PDB file of all heavy atoms in Angstrom:
ATOM      1  N   LYS A   1       0.892  -1.219  -0.008  1.00  0.00           N
ATOM      2  CA  LYS A   1       0.001  -0.011   0.027  1.00  0.00           C
ATOM      3  C   LYS A   1       0.880   1.228   0.044  1.00  0.00           C
ATOM      4  O   LYS A   1       0.637   2.238  -0.770  1.00  0.00           O
ATOM      5  CB  LYS A   1      -0.922   0.021   1.271  1.00  0.00           C
ATOM      6  CG  LYS A   1      -1.862   1.140   1.287  1.00  0.00           C
ATOM      7  CD  LYS A   1      -2.716   1.099   2.485  1.00  0.00           C
ATOM      8  CE  LYS A   1      -3.603   2.353   2.525  1.00  0.00           C
ATOM      9  NZ  LYS A   1      -4.235   2.591   3.884  1.00  0.00           N
ATOM     10  N   GLU A   2       1.857   1.213   0.856  1.00  0.00           N
ATOM     11  CA  GLU A   2       2.791   2.425   0.856  1.00  0.00           C
ATOM     12  C   GLU A   2       3.538   2.585  -0.473  1.00  0.00           C
ATOM     13  O   GLU A   2       3.631   3.699  -0.993  1.00  0.00           O
ATOM     14  CB  GLU A   2       3.879   2.131   2.003  1.00  0.00           C
ATOM     15  CG  GLU A   2       4.879   3.259   2.167  1.00  0.00           C
ATOM     16  CD  GLU A   2       5.955   2.957   3.164  1.00  0.00           C
ATOM     17  OE1 GLU A   2       5.646   2.130   4.104  1.00  0.00           O
ATOM     18  OE2 GLU A   2       7.007   3.462   3.095  1.00  0.00           O
ATOM     19  N   GLY A   3       3.951   1.494  -1.068  1.00  0.00           N
ATOM     20  CA  GLY A   3       4.608   1.568  -2.364  1.00  0.00           C
ATOM     21  C   GLY A   3       3.729   2.134  -3.441  1.00  0.00           C
ATOM     22  O   GLY A   3       4.111   2.896  -4.325  1.00  0.00           O
ATOM     23  N   LYS A   4       2.451   1.727  -3.391  1.00  0.00           N
ATOM     24  CA  LYS A   4       1.466   2.281  -4.361  1.00  0.00           C
ATOM     25  C   LYS A   4       1.286   3.798  -4.115  1.00  0.00           C
ATOM     26  O   LYS A   4       1.257   4.607  -5.091  1.00  0.00           O
ATOM     27  CB  LYS A   4       0.124   1.579  -4.275  1.00  0.00           C
ATOM     28  CG  LYS A   4       0.061   0.314  -5.026  1.00  0.00           C
ATOM     29  CD  LYS A   4      -1.384  -0.244  -4.935  1.00  0.00           C
ATOM     30  CE  LYS A   4      -1.697  -1.290  -5.909  1.00  0.00           C
ATOM     31  NZ  LYS A   4      -3.050  -1.710  -5.936  1.00  0.00           N
ATOM     32  N   GLU A   5       1.056   4.189  -2.819  1.00  0.00           N
ATOM     33  CA  GLU A   5       0.738   5.568  -2.438  1.00  0.00           C
ATOM     34  C   GLU A   5       1.896   6.477  -2.897  1.00  0.00           C
ATOM     35  O   GLU A   5       1.721   7.663  -3.327  1.00  0.00           O
ATOM     36  CB  GLU A   5       0.528   5.694  -1.042  1.00  0.00           C
ATOM     37  CG  GLU A   5      -0.853   5.176  -0.627  1.00  0.00           C
ATOM     38  CD  GLU A   5      -1.043   5.107   0.903  1.00  0.00           C
ATOM     39  OE1 GLU A   5      -0.046   5.351   1.654  1.00  0.00           O
ATOM     40  OE2 GLU A   5      -2.137   4.644   1.315  1.00  0.00           O
ATOM     41  N   GLN A   6       3.164   5.980  -2.817  1.00  0.00           N
ATOM     42  CA  GLN A   6       4.350   6.775  -3.151  1.00  0.00           C
ATOM     43  C   GLN A   6       4.791   6.662  -4.588  1.00  0.00           C
ATOM     44  O   GLN A   6       5.721   7.212  -5.095  1.00  0.00           O
ATOM     45  CB  GLN A   6       5.479   6.393  -2.264  1.00  0.00           C
ATOM     46  CG  GLN A   6       5.226   6.757  -0.800  1.00  0.00           C
ATOM     47  CD  GLN A   6       6.400   6.330   0.126  1.00  0.00           C
ATOM     48  OE1 GLN A   6       7.533   6.056  -0.343  1.00  0.00           O
ATOM     49  NE2 GLN A   6       6.123   6.307   1.378  1.00  0.00           N
ATOM     50  N   GLY A   7       3.996   5.799  -5.399  1.00  0.00           N
ATOM     51  CA  GLY A   7       4.238   5.755  -6.847  1.00  0.00           C
ATOM     52  C   GLY A   7       5.315   4.705  -7.208  1.00  0.00           C
ATOM     53  O   GLY A   7       5.802   4.746  -8.329  1.00  0.00           O
ATOM     54  N   TYR A   8       5.794   3.886  -6.285  1.00  0.00           N
ATOM     55  CA  TYR A   8       6.784   2.915  -6.615  1.00  0.00           C
ATOM     56  C   TYR A   8       6.243   1.577  -7.105  1.00  0.00           C
ATOM     57  O   TYR A   8       6.911   0.801  -7.724  1.00  0.00           O
ATOM     58  CB  TYR A   8       7.668   2.648  -5.336  1.00  0.00           C
ATOM     59  CG  TYR A   8       8.510   3.838  -4.942  1.00  0.00           C
ATOM     60  CD1 TYR A   8       8.150   4.612  -3.901  1.00  0.00           C
ATOM     61  CD2 TYR A   8       9.653   4.214  -5.704  1.00  0.00           C
ATOM     62  CE1 TYR A   8       8.868   5.722  -3.577  1.00  0.00           C
ATOM     63  CE2 TYR A   8      10.387   5.328  -5.399  1.00  0.00           C
ATOM     64  CZ  TYR A   8      10.010   6.048  -4.236  1.00  0.00           C
ATOM     65  OH  TYR A   8      10.726   7.153  -3.927  1.00  0.00           O
ATOM     66  N   ILE A   9       4.927   1.356  -6.817  1.00  0.00           N
ATOM     67  CA  ILE A   9       4.294   0.131  -7.291  1.00  0.00           C
ATOM     68  C   ILE A   9       3.117   0.590  -8.184  1.00  0.00           C
ATOM     69  O   ILE A   9       2.405   1.486  -7.814  1.00  0.00           O
ATOM     70  CB  ILE A   9       3.695  -0.742  -6.068  1.00  0.00           C
ATOM     71  CG1 ILE A   9       4.911  -1.263  -5.301  1.00  0.00           C
ATOM     72  CG2 ILE A   9       2.837  -1.887  -6.557  1.00  0.00           C
ATOM     73  CD1 ILE A   9       4.478  -1.995  -4.038  1.00  0.00           C
ATOM     74  N   ASN A  10       2.948  -0.103  -9.260  1.00  0.00           N
ATOM     75  CA  ASN A  10       1.931   0.216 -10.245  1.00  0.00           C
ATOM     76  C   ASN A  10       0.552   0.236  -9.560  1.00  0.00           C
ATOM     77  O   ASN A  10       0.156  -0.720  -9.010  1.00  0.00           O
ATOM     78  CB  ASN A  10       1.925  -0.864 -11.316  1.00  0.00           C
ATOM     79  CG  ASN A  10       0.969  -0.601 -12.439  1.00  0.00           C
ATOM     80  OD1 ASN A  10       0.023   0.149 -12.259  1.00  0.00           O
ATOM     81  ND2 ASN A  10       1.180  -1.266 -13.527  1.00  0.00           N
ATOM     82  N   LYS A  11      -0.161   1.379  -9.584  1.00  0.00           N
ATOM     83  CA  LYS A  11      -1.425   1.518  -8.897  1.00  0.00           C
ATOM     84  C   LYS A  11      -2.498   0.671  -9.490  1.00  0.00           C
ATOM     85  O   LYS A  11      -3.547   0.392  -8.874  1.00  0.00           O
ATOM     86  CB  LYS A  11      -1.800   3.027  -8.905  1.00  0.00           C
ATOM     87  CG  LYS A  11      -0.962   3.880  -8.070  1.00  0.00           C
ATOM     88  CD  LYS A  11      -1.376   5.341  -8.093  1.00  0.00           C
ATOM     89  CE  LYS A  11      -0.312   6.191  -7.451  1.00  0.00           C
ATOM     90  NZ  LYS A  11      -0.628   6.862  -6.351  1.00  0.00           N
ATOM     91  N   GLU A  12      -2.250   0.214 -10.727  1.00  0.00           N
ATOM     92  CA  GLU A  12      -3.303  -0.639 -11.347  1.00  0.00           C
ATOM     93  C   GLU A  12      -3.240  -2.053 -11.023  1.00  0.00           C
ATOM     94  O   GLU A  12      -4.204  -2.784 -11.188  1.00  0.00           O
ATOM     95  CB  GLU A  12      -3.109  -0.553 -12.907  1.00  0.00           C
ATOM     96  CG  GLU A  12      -3.391   0.852 -13.493  1.00  0.00           C
ATOM     97  CD  GLU A  12      -3.081   0.999 -14.951  1.00  0.00           C
ATOM     98  OE1 GLU A  12      -2.983  -0.058 -15.650  1.00  0.00           O
ATOM     99  OE2 GLU A  12      -2.904   2.117 -15.405  1.00  0.00           O
ATOM    100  N   LEU A  13      -2.173  -2.452 -10.266  1.00  0.00           N
ATOM    101  CA  LEU A  13      -2.099  -3.848  -9.742  1.00  0.00           C
ATOM    102  C   LEU A  13      -3.020  -3.967  -8.529  1.00  0.00           C
ATOM    103  O   LEU A  13      -2.940  -3.132  -7.625  1.00  0.00           O
ATOM    104  CB  LEU A  13      -0.653  -4.211  -9.303  1.00  0.00           C
ATOM    105  CG  LEU A  13       0.395  -4.362 -10.452  1.00  0.00           C
ATOM    106  CD1 LEU A  13       1.748  -4.539  -9.805  1.00  0.00           C
ATOM    107  CD2 LEU A  13       0.049  -5.557 -11.306  1.00  0.00           C
ATOM    108  N   SER A  14      -3.770  -4.990  -8.553  1.00  0.00           N
ATOM    109  CA  SER A  14      -4.681  -5.209  -7.399  1.00  0.00           C
ATOM    110  C   SER A  14      -3.950  -5.863  -6.298  1.00  0.00           C
ATOM    111  O   SER A  14      -3.035  -6.617  -6.497  1.00  0.00           O
ATOM    112  CB  SER A  14      -5.902  -6.099  -7.844  1.00  0.00           C
ATOM    113  OG  SER A  14      -5.493  -7.386  -8.033  1.00  0.00           O
ATOM    114  N   GLU A  15      -4.397  -5.547  -5.040  1.00  0.00           N
ATOM    115  CA  GLU A  15      -3.830  -6.190  -3.880  1.00  0.00           C
ATOM    116  C   GLU A  15      -4.037  -7.725  -3.998  1.00  0.00           C
ATOM    117  O   GLU A  15      -3.182  -8.499  -3.609  1.00  0.00           O
ATOM    118  CB  GLU A  15      -4.435  -5.638  -2.671  1.00  0.00           C
ATOM    119  CG  GLU A  15      -3.837  -6.246  -1.308  1.00  0.00           C
ATOM    120  CD  GLU A  15      -4.374  -5.629  -0.053  1.00  0.00           C
ATOM    121  OE1 GLU A  15      -4.380  -4.405   0.075  1.00  0.00           O
ATOM    122  OE2 GLU A  15      -4.919  -6.462   0.734  1.00  0.00           O
ATOM    123  N   GLU A  16      -5.175  -8.063  -4.502  1.00  0.00           N
ATOM    124  CA  GLU A  16      -5.497  -9.537  -4.634  1.00  0.00           C
ATOM    125  C   GLU A  16      -4.443 -10.221  -5.514  1.00  0.00           C
ATOM    126  O   GLU A  16      -3.972 -11.312  -5.146  1.00  0.00           O
ATOM    127  CB  GLU A  16      -6.928  -9.710  -5.181  1.00  0.00           C
ATOM    128  CG  GLU A  16      -7.323 -11.103  -5.306  1.00  0.00           C
ATOM    129  CD  GLU A  16      -8.710 -11.263  -5.894  1.00  0.00           C
ATOM    130  OE1 GLU A  16      -9.285 -10.259  -6.438  1.00  0.00           O
ATOM    131  OE2 GLU A  16      -9.266 -12.357  -5.844  1.00  0.00           O
ATOM    132  N   ALA A  17      -4.115  -9.642  -6.660  1.00  0.00           N
ATOM    133  CA  ALA A  17      -3.145 -10.206  -7.532  1.00  0.00           C
ATOM    134  C   ALA A  17      -1.714 -10.324  -6.926  1.00  0.00           C
ATOM    135  O   ALA A  17      -1.035 -11.342  -6.988  1.00  0.00           O
ATOM    136  CB  ALA A  17      -3.046  -9.447  -8.819  1.00  0.00           C
ATOM    137  N   MET A  18      -1.317  -9.241  -6.184  1.00  0.00           N
ATOM    138  CA  MET A  18      -0.025  -9.211  -5.514  1.00  0.00           C
ATOM    139  C   MET A  18       0.025 -10.310  -4.438  1.00  0.00           C
ATOM    140  O   MET A  18       1.045 -11.009  -4.314  1.00  0.00           O
ATOM    141  CB  MET A  18       0.271  -7.847  -5.002  1.00  0.00           C
ATOM    142  CG  MET A  18       0.545  -6.844  -6.120  1.00  0.00           C
ATOM    143  SD  MET A  18       1.105  -5.167  -5.502  1.00  0.00           S
ATOM    144  CE  MET A  18      -0.438  -4.523  -4.825  1.00  0.00           C
ATOM    145  N   LEU A  19      -1.046 -10.356  -3.661  1.00  0.00           N
ATOM    146  CA  LEU A  19      -1.092 -11.389  -2.530  1.00  0.00           C
ATOM    147  C   LEU A  19      -1.103 -12.808  -3.150  1.00  0.00           C
ATOM    148  O   LEU A  19      -0.535 -13.715  -2.580  1.00  0.00           O
ATOM    149  CB  LEU A  19      -2.200 -11.141  -1.617  1.00  0.00           C
ATOM    150  CG  LEU A  19      -2.042  -9.915  -0.715  1.00  0.00           C
ATOM    151  CD1 LEU A  19      -3.298  -9.735   0.164  1.00  0.00           C
ATOM    152  CD2 LEU A  19      -0.823 -10.040   0.199  1.00  0.00           C
ATOM    153  N   PHE A  20      -1.816 -12.995  -4.223  1.00  0.00           N
ATOM    154  CA  PHE A  20      -1.857 -14.335  -4.908  1.00  0.00           C
ATOM    155  C   PHE A  20      -0.428 -14.683  -5.270  1.00  0.00           C
ATOM    156  O   PHE A  20       0.005 -15.805  -5.088  1.00  0.00           O
ATOM    157  CB  PHE A  20      -2.785 -14.191  -6.157  1.00  0.00           C
ATOM    158  CG  PHE A  20      -2.818 -15.564  -6.957  1.00  0.00           C
ATOM    159  CD1 PHE A  20      -3.626 -16.525  -6.443  1.00  0.00           C
ATOM    160  CD2 PHE A  20      -2.039 -15.754  -8.079  1.00  0.00           C
ATOM    161  CE1 PHE A  20      -3.700 -17.753  -7.157  1.00  0.00           C
ATOM    162  CE2 PHE A  20      -2.061 -16.946  -8.727  1.00  0.00           C
ATOM    163  CZ  PHE A  20      -2.934 -17.927  -8.265  1.00  0.00           C
ATOM    164  N   TYR A  21       0.314 -13.746  -5.889  1.00  0.00           N
ATOM    165  CA  TYR A  21       1.709 -13.997  -6.308  1.00  0.00           C
ATOM    166  C   TYR A  21       2.581 -14.357  -5.126  1.00  0.00           C
ATOM    167  O   TYR A  21       3.387 -15.357  -5.213  1.00  0.00           O
ATOM    168  CB  TYR A  21       2.236 -12.754  -6.965  1.00  0.00           C
ATOM    169  CG  TYR A  21       3.677 -12.967  -7.523  1.00  0.00           C
ATOM    170  CD1 TYR A  21       3.812 -13.545  -8.759  1.00  0.00           C
ATOM    171  CD2 TYR A  21       4.778 -12.464  -6.885  1.00  0.00           C
ATOM    172  CE1 TYR A  21       5.092 -13.733  -9.288  1.00  0.00           C
ATOM    173  CE2 TYR A  21       6.039 -12.620  -7.357  1.00  0.00           C
ATOM    174  CZ  TYR A  21       6.177 -13.289  -8.626  1.00  0.00           C
ATOM    175  OH  TYR A  21       7.427 -13.476  -9.132  1.00  0.00           O
ATOM    176  N   ILE A  22       2.423 -13.628  -3.952  1.00  0.00           N
ATOM    177  CA  ILE A  22       3.182 -13.956  -2.794  1.00  0.00           C
ATOM    178  C   ILE A  22       2.829 -15.330  -2.205  1.00  0.00           C
ATOM    179  O   ILE A  22       3.701 -16.128  -1.885  1.00  0.00           O
ATOM    180  CB  ILE A  22       2.854 -12.806  -1.732  1.00  0.00           C
ATOM    181  CG1 ILE A  22       3.487 -11.493  -2.131  1.00  0.00           C
ATOM    182  CG2 ILE A  22       3.449 -13.283  -0.315  1.00  0.00           C
ATOM    183  CD1 ILE A  22       3.017 -10.327  -1.341  1.00  0.00           C
ATOM    184  N   HIS A  23       1.577 -15.701  -2.168  1.00  0.00           N
ATOM    185  CA  HIS A  23       1.087 -16.978  -1.688  1.00  0.00           C
ATOM    186  C   HIS A  23       1.654 -18.100  -2.641  1.00  0.00           C
ATOM    187  O   HIS A  23       2.100 -19.124  -2.141  1.00  0.00           O
ATOM    188  CB  HIS A  23      -0.404 -17.112  -1.595  1.00  0.00           C
ATOM    189  CG  HIS A  23      -0.997 -16.212  -0.567  1.00  0.00           C
ATOM    190  ND1 HIS A  23      -0.458 -16.006   0.688  1.00  0.00           N
ATOM    191  CD2 HIS A  23      -2.121 -15.410  -0.592  1.00  0.00           C
ATOM    192  CE1 HIS A  23      -1.197 -15.133   1.400  1.00  0.00           C
ATOM    193  NE2 HIS A  23      -2.209 -14.778   0.589  1.00  0.00           N
ATOM    194  N   MET A  24       1.597 -17.819  -3.905  1.00  0.00           N
ATOM    195  CA  MET A  24       2.063 -18.875  -4.872  1.00  0.00           C
ATOM    196  C   MET A  24       3.560 -19.089  -4.664  1.00  0.00           C
ATOM    197  O   MET A  24       4.043 -20.214  -4.645  1.00  0.00           O
ATOM    198  CB  MET A  24       1.803 -18.320  -6.324  1.00  0.00           C
ATOM    199  CG  MET A  24       2.202 -19.218  -7.424  1.00  0.00           C
ATOM    200  SD  MET A  24       1.666 -18.536  -9.019  1.00  0.00           S
ATOM    201  CE  MET A  24       2.756 -17.101  -9.117  1.00  0.00           C
ATOM    202  N   LEU A  25       4.315 -18.040  -4.486  1.00  0.00           N
ATOM    203  CA  LEU A  25       5.798 -18.161  -4.239  1.00  0.00           C
ATOM    204  C   LEU A  25       6.023 -18.886  -2.926  1.00  0.00           C
ATOM    205  O   LEU A  25       6.898 -19.833  -2.878  1.00  0.00           O
ATOM    206  CB  LEU A  25       6.421 -16.719  -4.200  1.00  0.00           C
ATOM    207  CG  LEU A  25       7.899 -16.670  -4.143  1.00  0.00           C
ATOM    208  CD1 LEU A  25       8.623 -17.347  -5.276  1.00  0.00           C
ATOM    209  CD2 LEU A  25       8.348 -15.194  -4.010  1.00  0.00           C
ATOM    210  N   LYS A  26       5.353 -18.574  -1.885  1.00  0.00           N
ATOM    211  CA  LYS A  26       5.492 -19.189  -0.599  1.00  0.00           C
ATOM    212  C   LYS A  26       5.136 -20.735  -0.706  1.00  0.00           C
ATOM    213  O   LYS A  26       5.868 -21.539  -0.216  1.00  0.00           O
ATOM    214  CB  LYS A  26       4.575 -18.562   0.441  1.00  0.00           C
ATOM    215  CG  LYS A  26       4.648 -19.276   1.855  1.00  0.00           C
ATOM    216  CD  LYS A  26       3.460 -18.936   2.669  1.00  0.00           C
ATOM    217  CE  LYS A  26       2.136 -19.432   2.262  1.00  0.00           C
ATOM    218  NZ  LYS A  26       1.869 -20.882   2.489  1.00  0.00           N
ATOM    219  N   ASP A  27       4.055 -20.978  -1.350  1.00  0.00           N
ATOM    220  CA  ASP A  27       3.702 -22.407  -1.473  1.00  0.00           C
ATOM    221  C   ASP A  27       4.706 -23.240  -2.274  1.00  0.00           C
ATOM    222  O   ASP A  27       5.024 -24.405  -1.990  1.00  0.00           O
ATOM    223  CB  ASP A  27       2.307 -22.582  -2.186  1.00  0.00           C
ATOM    224  CG  ASP A  27       1.171 -22.131  -1.251  1.00  0.00           C
ATOM    225  OD1 ASP A  27       1.398 -21.986  -0.060  1.00  0.00           O
ATOM    226  OD2 ASP A  27       0.107 -21.875  -1.768  1.00  0.00           O
ATOM    227  N   TYR A  28       5.269 -22.616  -3.310  1.00  0.00           N
ATOM    228  CA  TYR A  28       6.323 -23.298  -4.118  1.00  0.00           C
ATOM    229  C   TYR A  28       7.587 -23.560  -3.280  1.00  0.00           C
ATOM    230  O   TYR A  28       8.188 -24.630  -3.366  1.00  0.00           O
ATOM    231  CB  TYR A  28       6.566 -22.474  -5.387  1.00  0.00           C
ATOM    232  CG  TYR A  28       7.492 -23.182  -6.315  1.00  0.00           C
ATOM    233  CD1 TYR A  28       7.052 -24.376  -7.000  1.00  0.00           C
ATOM    234  CD2 TYR A  28       8.832 -22.776  -6.544  1.00  0.00           C
ATOM    235  CE1 TYR A  28       7.928 -25.017  -7.887  1.00  0.00           C
ATOM    236  CE2 TYR A  28       9.684 -23.416  -7.434  1.00  0.00           C
ATOM    237  CZ  TYR A  28       9.165 -24.498  -8.084  1.00  0.00           C
ATOM    238  OH  TYR A  28      10.038 -25.224  -8.921  1.00  0.00           O
ATOM    239  N   ILE A  29       7.979 -22.547  -2.530  1.00  0.00           N
ATOM    240  CA  ILE A  29       9.172 -22.615  -1.773  1.00  0.00           C
ATOM    241  C   ILE A  29       9.078 -23.722  -0.691  1.00  0.00           C
ATOM    242  O   ILE A  29      10.107 -24.300  -0.294  1.00  0.00           O
ATOM    243  CB  ILE A  29       9.466 -21.257  -1.170  1.00  0.00           C
ATOM    244  CG1 ILE A  29       9.983 -20.313  -2.213  1.00  0.00           C
ATOM    245  CG2 ILE A  29      10.583 -21.333  -0.084  1.00  0.00           C
ATOM    246  CD1 ILE A  29      10.188 -18.870  -1.796  1.00  0.00           C
ATOM    247  N   GLN A  30       7.893 -24.049  -0.257  1.00  0.00           N
ATOM    248  CA  GLN A  30       7.735 -25.022   0.782  1.00  0.00           C
ATOM    249  C   GLN A  30       7.923 -26.489   0.298  1.00  0.00           C
ATOM    250  O   GLN A  30       8.094 -27.387   1.112  1.00  0.00           O
ATOM    251  CB  GLN A  30       6.324 -24.994   1.354  1.00  0.00           C
ATOM    252  CG  GLN A  30       6.086 -23.798   2.317  1.00  0.00           C
ATOM    253  CD  GLN A  30       4.716 -23.667   2.821  1.00  0.00           C
ATOM    254  OE1 GLN A  30       3.805 -23.464   2.127  1.00  0.00           O
ATOM    255  NE2 GLN A  30       4.609 -23.882   4.101  1.00  0.00           N
ATOM    256  N   ARG A  31       8.014 -26.708  -0.951  1.00  0.00           N
ATOM    257  CA  ARG A  31       8.229 -28.039  -1.562  1.00  0.00           C
ATOM    258  C   ARG A  31       9.696 -28.412  -1.284  1.00  0.00           C
ATOM    259  O   ARG A  31      10.615 -27.644  -1.572  1.00  0.00           O
ATOM    260  CB  ARG A  31       7.846 -28.044  -3.014  1.00  0.00           C
ATOM    261  CG  ARG A  31       6.389 -27.804  -3.203  1.00  0.00           C
ATOM    262  CD  ARG A  31       5.975 -27.533  -4.617  1.00  0.00           C
ATOM    263  NE  ARG A  31       6.549 -28.391  -5.629  1.00  0.00           N
ATOM    264  CZ  ARG A  31       6.402 -28.257  -6.917  1.00  0.00           C
ATOM    265  NH1 ARG A  31       5.653 -27.298  -7.343  1.00  0.00           N
ATOM    266  NH2 ARG A  31       6.939 -29.100  -7.749  1.00  0.00           N
ATOM    267  N   GLU A  32       9.912 -29.648  -0.840  1.00  0.00           N
ATOM    268  CA  GLU A  32      11.197 -30.115  -0.518  1.00  0.00           C
ATOM    269  C   GLU A  32      12.205 -30.018  -1.610  1.00  0.00           C
ATOM    270  O   GLU A  32      13.343 -29.609  -1.422  1.00  0.00           O
ATOM    271  CB  GLU A  32      11.170 -31.570   0.026  1.00  0.00           C
ATOM    272  CG  GLU A  32      12.518 -31.982   0.628  1.00  0.00           C
ATOM    273  CD  GLU A  32      12.456 -33.366   1.285  1.00  0.00           C
ATOM    274  OE1 GLU A  32      11.381 -33.924   1.423  1.00  0.00           O
ATOM    275  OE2 GLU A  32      13.545 -33.812   1.712  1.00  0.00           O
ATOM    276  N   GLU A  33      11.832 -30.367  -2.871  1.00  0.00           N
ATOM    277  CA  GLU A  33      12.788 -30.372  -3.981  1.00  0.00           C
ATOM    278  C   GLU A  33      13.122 -28.931  -4.330  1.00  0.00           C
ATOM    279  O   GLU A  33      14.185 -28.700  -4.970  1.00  0.00           O
ATOM    280  CB  GLU A  33      12.189 -31.087  -5.213  1.00  0.00           C
ATOM    281  CG  GLU A  33      11.016 -30.430  -5.839  1.00  0.00           C
ATOM    282  CD  GLU A  33       9.662 -30.783  -5.261  1.00  0.00           C
ATOM    283  OE1 GLU A  33       9.541 -31.377  -4.189  1.00  0.00           O
ATOM    284  OE2 GLU A  33       8.626 -30.445  -5.940  1.00  0.00           O
TER     285      GLU A  33
END
């Protein structure tokens, strides 16, 4: 939110999409291989 307000993060990106990306990365990293 801070990054969007200060113009460092694209304001058109939804929070839902960014959190989806974060969760996807977290879930992938949890795999042993």
